[in-house]
Amino acid sequence: MVNNVPRHPMPQRDAKERARTFDEVALGYDDATALAEAKRCLQCKNPPCEKGCPVQVLIRDFIGAIIAEDMPRAFELLKERNALPAVCGRVCPQETQCEAKCVLGRRGESVAIGRLERYVADWGRENSDATSESTEESTPQNGRRVAVIGSGPAGLACAGELAKGGFEVTIFEALHTGGGVLSYGIPEFRLPKAILDDEIASLERAGVTFKYNQIVGRITDAQELLESGYDAVFFGTGAGLPSFLGIDGENFNGVYSANEFLTRINLMKAYKFPQYDTPIWEGHHVVVVGGGNVAMDAARCALRMRADKVTIVYRRTVDEMPARNEEIEHAIEENAQIRELCAPLGITGSQGWCTGLEVQQMKLGEPDESGRRRPVSDGSEPFVIECDTIITAVGTKANTLTADATSGVELNEWGYVITDEDGRTSNPRVFAGGDIVTGAATVILAMGAGKKAAQAIIADFL
């Protein structure tokens, strides 16, 4: 019999309160709510939800342990397959992955797998003395060494899997802190840095070494690392080079890429200026161009930086936005305005500063190659949205450093690393995964790629 108990909502801060603070928005389930939500799970004999998880978390079993009120076991089962459960429980799009395959979802509301994942992971952090030592201690080493380039989701997942296999793993990170896009790209109110720091510390306890301020492609490259004694190299450098609109006026002051805007705020703590010496132009009317999660993050950060007004400009409608519904809803609740069906044409300016975004009103035409209806001009005259700050959140691409770092490895015409399905490149000792292979995607897909490459390394070298 299908469980018809409704899904339990996630408690969250009031919209007016949270729109001016970087404190975490979602508050998490309490014990009673988590147990009630877990009991909605049918404990399927062949759980389809697990087929939707890129890192193959034992979803049925860890939820079953919650039902049995055996939290140490629930944490152990979750951590067995996922190196970053507290991160994934917060930022992964479970609604399109594991929850999309949940049997309950076919007739009503799926089990809140992501919220339960967060609950268990947070319980593990708060009760570290009660968790299984196997989730913390390093495995005896097998004598093999692997260099992991980049400490983003792909690199961290790869390193965690290799450490469990007894490999000596060193992560080379270009920035001064770990996490990659998890650190510089995702705001504190969605992913507190303390959570990420704890996940990285867990990997360090498992034997992973982190080396910061190491720009592979400048200080060394893959071939030099192999010649220095590493058995294999994994590239998980992401695709962090911002894309721009290619319109006039993008060089005016007050125009940011979302990468710069979010990095200044999230990683370099511009929101605490002058306590931290990274300034940022806060703006009065901020326009964000784009419709993905990064655009929502930028808009919500701008609100928290005391902008008087924030407008999200998107060339399709809200229904076509690629951002998670939850992120769009949160942005609207926090009073971000959305101007849909507007395509940017140019940026106006005066005395070196932007003064507005010229746009063309659009309408939806025939579907394009992505299956979405193509935006086309409605024939009206262009108009200007007056503003003093513009943030472009229209995607990213491979950094040109990739070619220098991966000498001898085949890249495609866009600068992404070419691999087989297991992450092997044209050099049998060099592997890659995540956004540097696929282009910009989700955290959990990058983690899945990193884990799969680690399993291929283990198979090749043991």
Protein backbone atom coordinates (compact mmCIF):
# COMPACT_ATOMS: atom_id res chain seq x y z
CA MET A 1 0.00 0.00 0.00
CA VAL A 2 1.38 3.38 -0.98
CA ASN A 3 2.16 5.70 1.94
CA ASN A 4 -0.09 8.78 1.68
CA VAL A 5 1.44 10.73 4.59
CA PRO A 6 2.44 14.15 3.23
CA ARG A 7 6.09 15.10 2.91
CA HIS A 8 7.41 17.10 5.86
CA PRO A 9 8.46 20.66 4.94
CA MET A 10 11.92 21.99 5.69
CA PRO A 11 11.92 24.59 8.47
CA GLN A 12 13.55 27.83 7.32
CA ARG A 13 14.21 31.38 8.42
CA ASP A 14 11.59 34.01 7.74
CA ALA A 15 12.16 35.65 4.35
CA LYS A 16 12.35 39.22 5.70
CA GLU A 17 14.83 38.18 8.37
CA ARG A 18 17.08 36.08 6.16
CA ALA A 19 17.24 38.50 3.20
CA ARG A 20 19.64 40.71 5.16
CA THR A 21 21.81 38.04 6.75
CA PHE A 22 24.18 35.37 5.51
CA ASP A 23 23.00 32.89 8.16
CA GLU A 24 21.84 29.56 6.74
CA VAL A 25 18.28 29.69 5.39
CA ALA A 26 17.24 26.04 5.83
CA LEU A 27 17.23 25.02 9.50
CA GLY A 28 17.11 21.24 9.13
CA TYR A 29 14.78 18.59 10.54
CA ASP A 30 14.56 17.97 14.26
CA ASP A 31 14.65 14.36 15.52
CA ALA A 32 10.91 13.84 15.54
CA THR A 33 10.39 15.25 12.04
CA ALA A 34 13.29 13.24 10.59
CA LEU A 35 11.89 10.03 12.10
CA ALA A 36 8.40 10.79 10.78
CA GLU A 37 9.76 11.53 7.29
CA ALA A 38 11.93 8.40 7.30
CA LYS A 39 8.86 6.30 8.16
CA ARG A 40 7.26 7.43 4.90
CA CYS A 41 9.89 5.33 3.08
CA LEU A 42 8.50 2.04 1.76
CA GLN A 43 11.88 0.29 2.15
CA CYS A 44 11.58 -1.14 -1.36
CA LYS A 45 13.20 -4.52 -1.99
CA ASN A 46 14.88 -3.09 -5.11
CA PRO A 47 15.05 0.63 -4.34
CA PRO A 48 14.85 2.67 -7.58
CA CYS A 49 15.99 5.82 -5.75
CA GLU A 50 19.51 4.43 -5.48
CA LYS A 51 19.75 4.19 -9.26
CA GLY A 52 19.29 7.96 -9.40
CA CYS A 53 22.26 8.69 -7.14
CA PRO A 54 25.55 9.37 -8.99
CA VAL A 55 27.59 8.14 -5.99
CA GLN A 56 25.35 5.11 -5.26
CA VAL A 57 24.42 6.04 -1.68
CA LEU A 58 22.65 3.17 0.10
CA ILE A 59 19.51 5.25 0.48
CA ARG A 60 17.10 2.55 1.62
CA ASP A 61 19.53 1.27 4.23
CA PHE A 62 20.49 4.59 5.79
CA ILE A 63 16.82 5.60 5.98
CA GLY A 64 16.06 2.20 7.46
CA ALA A 65 18.64 2.90 10.16
CA ILE A 66 16.88 6.19 10.96
CA ILE A 67 13.62 4.26 11.31
CA ALA A 68 15.39 1.85 13.67
CA GLU A 69 16.74 4.90 15.54
CA ASP A 70 20.27 3.61 15.02
CA MET A 71 21.96 6.89 14.10
CA PRO A 72 25.58 5.67 14.24
CA ARG A 73 24.65 3.01 11.68
CA ALA A 74 22.77 5.54 9.52
CA PHE A 75 25.82 7.81 9.45
CA GLU A 76 28.17 4.93 8.70
CA LEU A 77 26.00 3.76 5.79
CA LEU A 78 25.75 7.27 4.37
CA LYS A 79 29.45 8.00 4.71
CA GLU A 80 30.37 4.65 3.12
CA ARG A 81 29.40 5.89 -0.33
CA ASN A 82 29.44 9.69 -0.02
CA ALA A 83 32.54 11.61 1.06
CA LEU A 84 30.56 14.88 1.45
CA PRO A 85 27.09 14.03 2.82
CA ALA A 86 26.54 17.32 4.70
CA VAL A 87 27.33 19.22 1.48
CA CYS A 88 25.18 17.04 -0.75
CA GLY A 89 22.28 17.18 1.68
CA ARG A 90 22.26 20.95 1.19
CA VAL A 91 23.09 21.67 -2.44
CA CYS A 92 22.32 18.60 -4.56
CA PRO A 93 19.25 18.64 -6.82
CA GLN A 94 17.75 15.47 -5.33
CA GLU A 95 14.41 16.32 -6.91
CA THR A 96 15.83 15.47 -10.35
CA GLN A 97 17.92 12.49 -9.21
CA CYS A 98 17.18 10.08 -6.34
CA GLU A 99 13.86 11.63 -5.35
CA ALA A 100 12.71 11.64 -8.96
CA LYS A 101 12.85 7.83 -8.94
CA CYS A 102 11.18 7.36 -5.54
CA VAL A 103 8.10 5.11 -5.75
CA LEU A 104 6.07 7.51 -3.60
CA GLY A 105 6.77 10.30 -6.05
CA ARG A 106 4.87 8.46 -8.77
CA ARG A 107 1.60 8.96 -6.90
CA GLY A 108 2.29 11.90 -4.68
CA GLU A 109 5.32 13.31 -2.89
CA SER A 110 8.65 11.50 -2.83
CA VAL A 111 10.53 10.83 0.39
CA ALA A 112 12.65 13.87 1.30
CA ILE A 113 15.91 11.98 0.76
CA GLY A 114 18.09 15.07 0.61
CA ARG A 115 16.71 16.46 3.85
CA LEU A 116 17.25 13.13 5.58
CA GLU A 117 20.79 13.00 4.19
CA ARG A 118 21.47 16.41 5.70
CA TYR A 119 19.92 15.33 9.01
CA VAL A 120 22.12 12.24 9.29
CA ALA A 121 25.27 14.09 8.19
CA ASP A 122 24.67 16.87 10.70
CA TRP A 123 24.01 14.30 13.42
CA GLY A 124 27.37 12.74 12.58
CA ARG A 125 29.14 16.10 12.88
CA GLU A 126 27.50 16.85 16.22
CA ASN A 127 28.08 13.36 17.61
CA SER A 128 31.54 12.54 16.32
CA ASP A 129 32.33 10.51 19.43
CA ALA A 130 29.47 8.13 18.62
CA THR A 131 30.25 7.57 14.92
CA SER A 132 32.04 4.51 13.62
CA GLU A 133 35.82 4.89 13.63
CA SER A 134 35.86 3.42 10.14
CA THR A 135 34.49 6.70 8.79
CA GLU A 136 37.43 8.65 10.21
CA GLU A 137 40.57 6.53 10.36
CA SER A 138 42.95 6.15 7.44
CA THR A 139 43.38 2.80 5.70
CA PRO A 140 46.83 1.17 5.72
CA GLN A 141 48.63 2.47 2.64
CA ASN A 142 49.38 0.24 -0.34
CA GLY A 143 52.49 2.09 -1.54
CA ARG A 144 50.79 3.85 -4.47
CA ARG A 145 50.65 7.65 -4.80
CA VAL A 146 48.08 9.77 -6.62
CA ALA A 147 48.07 13.52 -7.24
CA VAL A 148 44.62 15.11 -7.36
CA ILE A 149 44.44 18.52 -9.04
CA GLY A 150 41.66 20.65 -7.61
CA SER A 151 39.78 20.33 -4.33
CA GLY A 152 36.30 20.84 -5.71
CA PRO A 153 33.59 18.15 -5.59
CA ALA A 154 35.25 15.86 -8.16
CA GLY A 155 38.67 16.09 -6.53
CA LEU A 156 37.35 15.57 -3.00
CA ALA A 157 35.26 12.56 -4.01
CA CYS A 158 38.17 11.03 -5.92
CA ALA A 159 40.55 11.60 -3.01
CA GLY A 160 38.13 10.11 -0.50
CA GLU A 161 37.64 6.95 -2.53
CA LEU A 162 41.38 6.53 -3.13
CA ALA A 163 42.18 7.04 0.56
CA LYS A 164 39.73 4.27 1.43
CA GLY A 165 41.65 2.09 -1.01
CA GLY A 166 44.95 2.72 0.77
CA PHE A 167 46.46 5.21 -1.70
CA GLU A 168 48.64 8.09 -0.58
CA VAL A 169 46.70 11.06 -1.93
CA THR A 170 47.88 14.66 -2.28
CA ILE A 171 45.45 17.35 -3.41
CA PHE A 172 46.93 20.38 -5.18
CA GLU A 173 44.63 23.40 -4.82
CA ALA A 174 45.20 26.75 -6.56
CA LEU A 175 43.40 28.78 -3.89
CA HIS A 176 44.32 29.30 -0.25
CA THR A 177 41.51 27.10 1.02
CA GLY A 178 39.79 23.88 -0.04
CA GLY A 179 36.46 23.14 -1.65
CA GLY A 180 36.73 24.75 -5.08
CA VAL A 181 33.33 25.96 -6.23
CA LEU A 182 31.84 24.77 -2.93
CA SER A 183 33.93 27.45 -1.25
CA TYR A 184 33.98 30.34 -3.70
CA GLY A 185 30.72 29.79 -5.54
CA ILE A 186 28.05 28.73 -3.04
CA PRO A 187 26.95 31.33 -0.49
CA GLU A 188 27.15 30.89 3.26
CA PHE A 189 23.36 30.96 3.56
CA ARG A 190 23.14 27.78 1.45
CA LEU A 191 26.36 26.05 2.52
CA PRO A 192 28.05 27.33 5.68
CA LYS A 193 31.83 27.23 5.37
CA ALA A 194 32.06 25.43 8.73
CA ILE A 195 30.23 22.48 7.16
CA LEU A 196 32.69 22.35 4.26
CA ASP A 197 35.65 22.72 6.61
CA ASP A 198 34.44 19.74 8.62
CA GLU A 199 34.08 17.61 5.48
CA ILE A 200 37.64 18.50 4.43
CA ALA A 201 38.94 17.77 7.94
CA SER A 202 37.32 14.34 7.71
CA LEU A 203 39.30 13.63 4.54
CA GLU A 204 42.49 14.81 6.24
CA ARG A 205 41.84 12.38 9.09
CA ALA A 206 41.47 9.68 6.42
CA GLY A 207 45.02 10.47 5.28
CA VAL A 208 44.52 12.94 2.42
CA THR A 209 47.14 15.72 2.22
CA PHE A 210 46.13 19.18 0.98
CA LYS A 211 48.63 21.57 -0.62
CA TYR A 212 47.24 25.08 -1.14
CA ASN A 213 48.32 27.96 -3.39
CA GLN A 214 49.52 25.39 -5.94
CA ILE A 215 48.59 26.42 -9.49
CA VAL A 216 49.18 23.34 -11.59
CA GLY A 217 49.90 24.60 -15.07
CA ARG A 218 52.27 27.23 -13.67
CA ILE A 219 54.36 25.56 -10.95
CA THR A 220 54.19 22.07 -12.46
CA ASP A 221 52.14 19.91 -14.82
CA ALA A 222 50.84 16.36 -15.06
CA GLN A 223 53.96 14.95 -16.64
CA GLU A 224 56.24 16.42 -13.98
CA LEU A 225 54.05 15.01 -11.23
CA LEU A 226 54.25 11.55 -12.80
CA GLU A 227 58.01 11.85 -13.14
CA SER A 228 58.30 12.92 -9.49
CA GLY A 229 56.89 9.64 -8.25
CA TYR A 230 53.12 9.79 -8.51
CA ASP A 231 51.58 6.69 -10.06
CA ALA A 232 48.57 8.57 -11.42
CA VAL A 233 47.15 12.08 -11.68
CA PHE A 234 43.47 13.04 -11.48
CA PHE A 235 42.24 16.39 -12.84
CA GLY A 236 39.17 17.79 -11.14
CA THR A 237 39.82 21.46 -11.83
CA GLY A 238 36.28 22.34 -12.82
CA ALA A 239 35.27 24.87 -15.44
CA GLY A 240 35.63 28.13 -13.59
CA LEU A 241 36.42 30.59 -16.36
CA PRO A 242 33.41 32.93 -16.63
CA SER A 243 31.49 33.40 -19.84
CA PHE A 244 30.38 36.89 -20.81
CA LEU A 245 27.51 38.30 -22.85
CA GLY A 246 29.66 39.66 -25.67
CA ILE A 247 27.81 42.98 -25.73
CA ASP A 248 29.01 46.58 -25.66
CA GLY A 249 29.71 48.08 -22.24
CA GLU A 250 30.85 45.01 -20.33
CA ASN A 251 34.05 46.81 -19.32
CA PHE A 252 32.22 49.53 -17.38
CA ASN A 253 32.82 49.70 -13.64
CA GLY A 254 29.97 48.07 -11.76
CA VAL A 255 29.81 45.11 -14.15
CA TYR A 256 30.82 41.78 -12.62
CA SER A 257 30.92 38.18 -13.68
CA ALA A 258 29.05 36.07 -11.15
CA ASN A 259 32.34 34.25 -10.47
CA GLU A 260 34.06 37.44 -9.30
CA PHE A 261 31.05 38.73 -7.39
CA LEU A 262 30.50 35.46 -5.53
CA THR A 263 34.21 34.84 -4.92
CA ARG A 264 34.65 38.27 -3.38
CA ILE A 265 31.65 37.74 -1.11
CA ASN A 266 31.88 34.03 -0.28
CA LEU A 267 35.59 33.29 -0.15
CA MET A 268 37.15 36.70 0.40
CA LYS A 269 34.43 37.89 2.82
CA ALA A 270 33.67 41.20 1.14
CA TYR A 271 30.38 41.25 3.04
CA LYS A 272 32.48 41.89 6.19
CA PHE A 273 34.49 44.80 4.73
CA PRO A 274 36.44 46.54 6.29
CA GLN A 275 37.13 43.73 8.80
CA TYR A 276 38.33 41.86 5.69
CA ASP A 277 40.18 43.91 3.11
CA THR A 278 38.29 42.79 0.01
CA PRO A 279 35.95 45.57 -1.14
CA ILE A 280 32.96 45.23 -3.42
CA TRP A 281 30.66 47.76 -5.04
CA GLU A 282 27.34 47.02 -3.35
CA GLY A 283 25.06 48.90 -5.71
CA HIS A 284 21.56 50.34 -5.31
CA HIS A 285 19.79 48.64 -8.21
CA VAL A 286 21.52 45.38 -9.10
CA VAL A 287 20.62 43.52 -12.29
CA VAL A 288 21.56 39.84 -12.56
CA VAL A 289 21.54 38.30 -16.04
CA GLY A 290 20.80 34.56 -16.11
CA GLY A 291 18.37 31.95 -14.86
CA GLY A 292 20.46 29.23 -13.22
CA ASN A 293 21.38 28.51 -9.61
CA VAL A 294 24.39 30.83 -9.88
CA ALA A 295 22.11 33.69 -10.93
CA MET A 296 19.86 33.03 -7.93
CA ASP A 297 22.90 32.95 -5.63
CA ALA A 298 24.19 36.24 -7.03
CA ALA A 299 20.80 37.92 -6.68
CA ARG A 300 20.34 36.72 -3.12
CA CYS A 301 23.86 37.82 -2.19
CA ALA A 302 23.19 41.27 -3.64
CA LEU A 303 20.10 41.57 -1.43
CA ARG A 304 22.21 40.69 1.59
CA MET A 305 24.73 43.34 0.55
CA ARG A 306 21.97 45.90 1.12
CA ALA A 307 20.98 46.59 -2.49
CA ASP A 308 17.78 48.63 -2.64
CA LYS A 309 16.49 46.58 -5.54
CA VAL A 310 17.58 43.39 -7.32
CA THR A 311 16.23 42.39 -10.72
CA ILE A 312 16.90 39.06 -12.41
CA VAL A 313 16.79 39.35 -16.21
CA TYR A 314 16.16 36.15 -18.16
CA ARG A 315 15.50 35.71 -21.87
CA ARG A 316 12.93 32.92 -21.38
CA THR A 317 10.16 32.62 -18.81
CA VAL A 318 10.44 31.57 -15.18
CA ASP A 319 9.10 28.13 -16.16
CA GLU A 320 12.18 27.57 -18.37
CA MET A 321 14.73 28.68 -15.78
CA PRO A 322 17.30 25.91 -15.14
CA ALA A 323 17.67 26.88 -11.46
CA ARG A 324 16.15 24.62 -8.81
CA ASN A 325 12.55 25.57 -8.03
CA GLU A 326 13.52 25.97 -4.38
CA GLU A 327 16.17 28.55 -5.25
CA ILE A 328 13.81 30.54 -7.47
CA GLU A 329 11.14 30.49 -4.77
CA HIS A 330 13.62 31.65 -2.13
CA ALA A 331 14.83 34.50 -4.33
CA ILE A 332 11.26 35.68 -4.95
CA GLU A 333 10.39 35.37 -1.25
CA GLU A 334 13.38 37.56 -0.45
CA ASN A 335 12.03 40.22 -2.84
CA ALA A 336 14.19 39.70 -5.92
CA GLN A 337 12.25 40.82 -8.99
CA ILE A 338 12.24 38.74 -12.19
CA ARG A 339 12.00 40.33 -15.64
CA GLU A 340 11.38 37.38 -17.90
CA LEU A 341 11.57 37.34 -21.71
CA CYS A 342 14.26 40.04 -21.81
CA ALA A 343 17.45 39.59 -23.86
CA PRO A 344 20.45 41.87 -23.13
CA LEU A 345 21.62 44.01 -26.05
CA GLY A 346 24.16 46.35 -24.45
CA ILE A 347 25.24 48.14 -21.30
CA THR A 348 24.91 51.90 -21.03
CA GLY A 349 27.32 53.97 -18.97
CA SER A 350 28.59 57.38 -17.92
CA GLN A 351 32.04 58.45 -16.70
CA GLY A 352 33.23 54.87 -16.70
CA TRP A 353 30.34 53.44 -14.67
CA CYS A 354 27.39 51.41 -15.90
CA THR A 355 24.01 53.14 -15.79
CA GLY A 356 21.70 50.57 -17.32
CA LEU A 357 21.09 47.39 -19.29
CA GLU A 358 19.55 47.74 -22.74
CA VAL A 359 17.22 44.81 -23.43
CA GLN A 360 14.90 43.50 -26.11
CA GLN A 361 11.49 42.14 -25.14
CA MET A 362 11.18 38.55 -26.35
CA LYS A 363 8.56 35.89 -26.91
CA LEU A 364 8.90 32.12 -27.09
CA GLY A 365 9.16 30.58 -30.55
CA GLU A 366 9.81 27.04 -31.74
CA PRO A 367 11.85 24.59 -29.62
CA ASP A 368 15.64 24.66 -30.10
CA GLU A 369 18.09 21.73 -29.90
CA SER A 370 17.70 21.61 -26.09
CA GLY A 371 13.96 21.04 -26.43
CA ARG A 372 13.12 24.41 -24.89
CA ARG A 373 11.22 27.00 -26.88
CA ARG A 374 13.63 29.46 -28.45
CA PRO A 375 13.29 33.12 -27.38
CA VAL A 376 12.76 35.46 -30.35
CA SER A 377 12.19 39.20 -30.52
CA ASP A 378 8.58 40.33 -30.18
CA GLY A 379 9.31 43.20 -32.58
CA SER A 380 9.02 45.99 -30.02
CA GLU A 381 11.60 48.73 -29.48
CA PRO A 382 14.50 47.96 -27.11
CA PHE A 383 14.43 49.67 -23.71
CA VAL A 384 16.85 50.32 -20.85
CA ILE A 385 16.59 48.97 -17.32
CA GLU A 386 18.34 51.63 -15.24
CA CYS A 387 20.83 50.19 -12.73
CA ASP A 388 24.27 50.80 -11.27
CA THR A 389 25.44 47.19 -11.00
CA ILE A 390 25.21 44.29 -13.45
CA ILE A 391 26.17 40.69 -12.69
CA THR A 392 26.43 38.22 -15.58
CA ALA A 393 25.62 34.63 -14.65
CA VAL A 394 25.52 32.99 -18.05
CA GLY A 395 27.77 29.99 -17.57
CA THR A 396 31.43 29.08 -17.36
CA LYS A 397 34.03 27.33 -19.49
CA ALA A 398 37.36 25.56 -19.19
CA ASN A 399 40.28 27.65 -17.99
CA THR A 400 43.06 28.04 -20.54
CA LEU A 401 45.48 26.82 -17.85
CA THR A 402 44.11 23.33 -18.48
CA ALA A 403 46.17 22.99 -21.64
CA ASP A 404 49.36 23.93 -19.77
CA ALA A 405 48.58 21.61 -16.87
CA THR A 406 47.69 18.58 -19.00
CA SER A 407 50.52 18.54 -21.52
CA GLY A 408 50.28 15.41 -23.64
CA VAL A 409 46.59 14.87 -22.80
CA GLU A 410 44.00 15.25 -25.54
CA LEU A 411 41.52 18.13 -25.18
CA ASN A 412 38.48 18.89 -27.29
CA GLU A 413 37.96 22.08 -29.29
CA TRP A 414 36.52 23.90 -26.24
CA GLY A 415 39.48 23.03 -24.00
CA TYR A 416 37.79 20.27 -22.00
CA VAL A 417 39.63 17.06 -21.22
CA ILE A 418 38.57 14.05 -23.31
CA THR A 419 38.06 10.87 -21.28
CA ASP A 420 36.40 7.49 -21.55
CA GLU A 421 33.44 6.61 -19.34
CA ASP A 422 35.78 5.76 -16.45
CA GLY A 423 37.70 9.03 -16.56
CA ARG A 424 40.78 7.78 -18.42
CA THR A 425 42.45 10.29 -20.72
CA SER A 426 44.72 9.74 -23.71
CA ASN A 427 47.54 9.29 -21.18
CA PRO A 428 46.81 6.00 -19.33
CA ARG A 429 48.17 7.42 -16.08
CA VAL A 430 46.15 10.64 -16.20
CA PHE A 431 42.45 10.73 -15.29
CA ALA A 432 39.88 13.50 -15.16
CA GLY A 433 36.29 14.07 -14.12
CA GLY A 434 33.67 16.67 -13.33
CA ASP A 435 33.14 20.00 -15.07
CA ILE A 436 36.58 19.95 -16.75
CA VAL A 437 35.25 16.99 -18.76
CA THR A 438 31.51 17.65 -19.07
CA GLY A 439 31.27 21.40 -18.77
CA ALA A 440 29.34 23.03 -15.94
CA ALA A 441 27.07 20.53 -14.18
CA THR A 442 26.00 19.69 -10.61
CA VAL A 443 28.05 19.00 -7.50
CA ILE A 444 26.86 15.42 -7.22
CA LEU A 445 27.56 14.61 -10.88
CA ALA A 446 31.12 15.88 -10.42
CA MET A 447 31.44 13.76 -7.30
CA GLY A 448 30.15 10.73 -9.19
CA ALA A 449 32.76 11.28 -11.90
CA GLY A 450 35.53 11.68 -9.34
CA LYS A 451 34.50 8.51 -7.55
CA LYS A 452 34.28 6.54 -10.79
CA ALA A 453 37.75 7.70 -11.86
CA ALA A 454 39.11 6.66 -8.45
CA GLN A 455 37.66 3.20 -8.91
CA ALA A 456 39.36 3.00 -12.32
CA ILE A 457 42.68 4.06 -10.76
CA ILE A 458 42.28 1.40 -8.08
CA ALA A 459 41.55 -1.21 -10.75
CA ASP A 460 44.57 -0.15 -12.84
CA PHE A 461 47.18 0.10 -10.10
CA LEU A 462 46.24 -2.61 -7.61
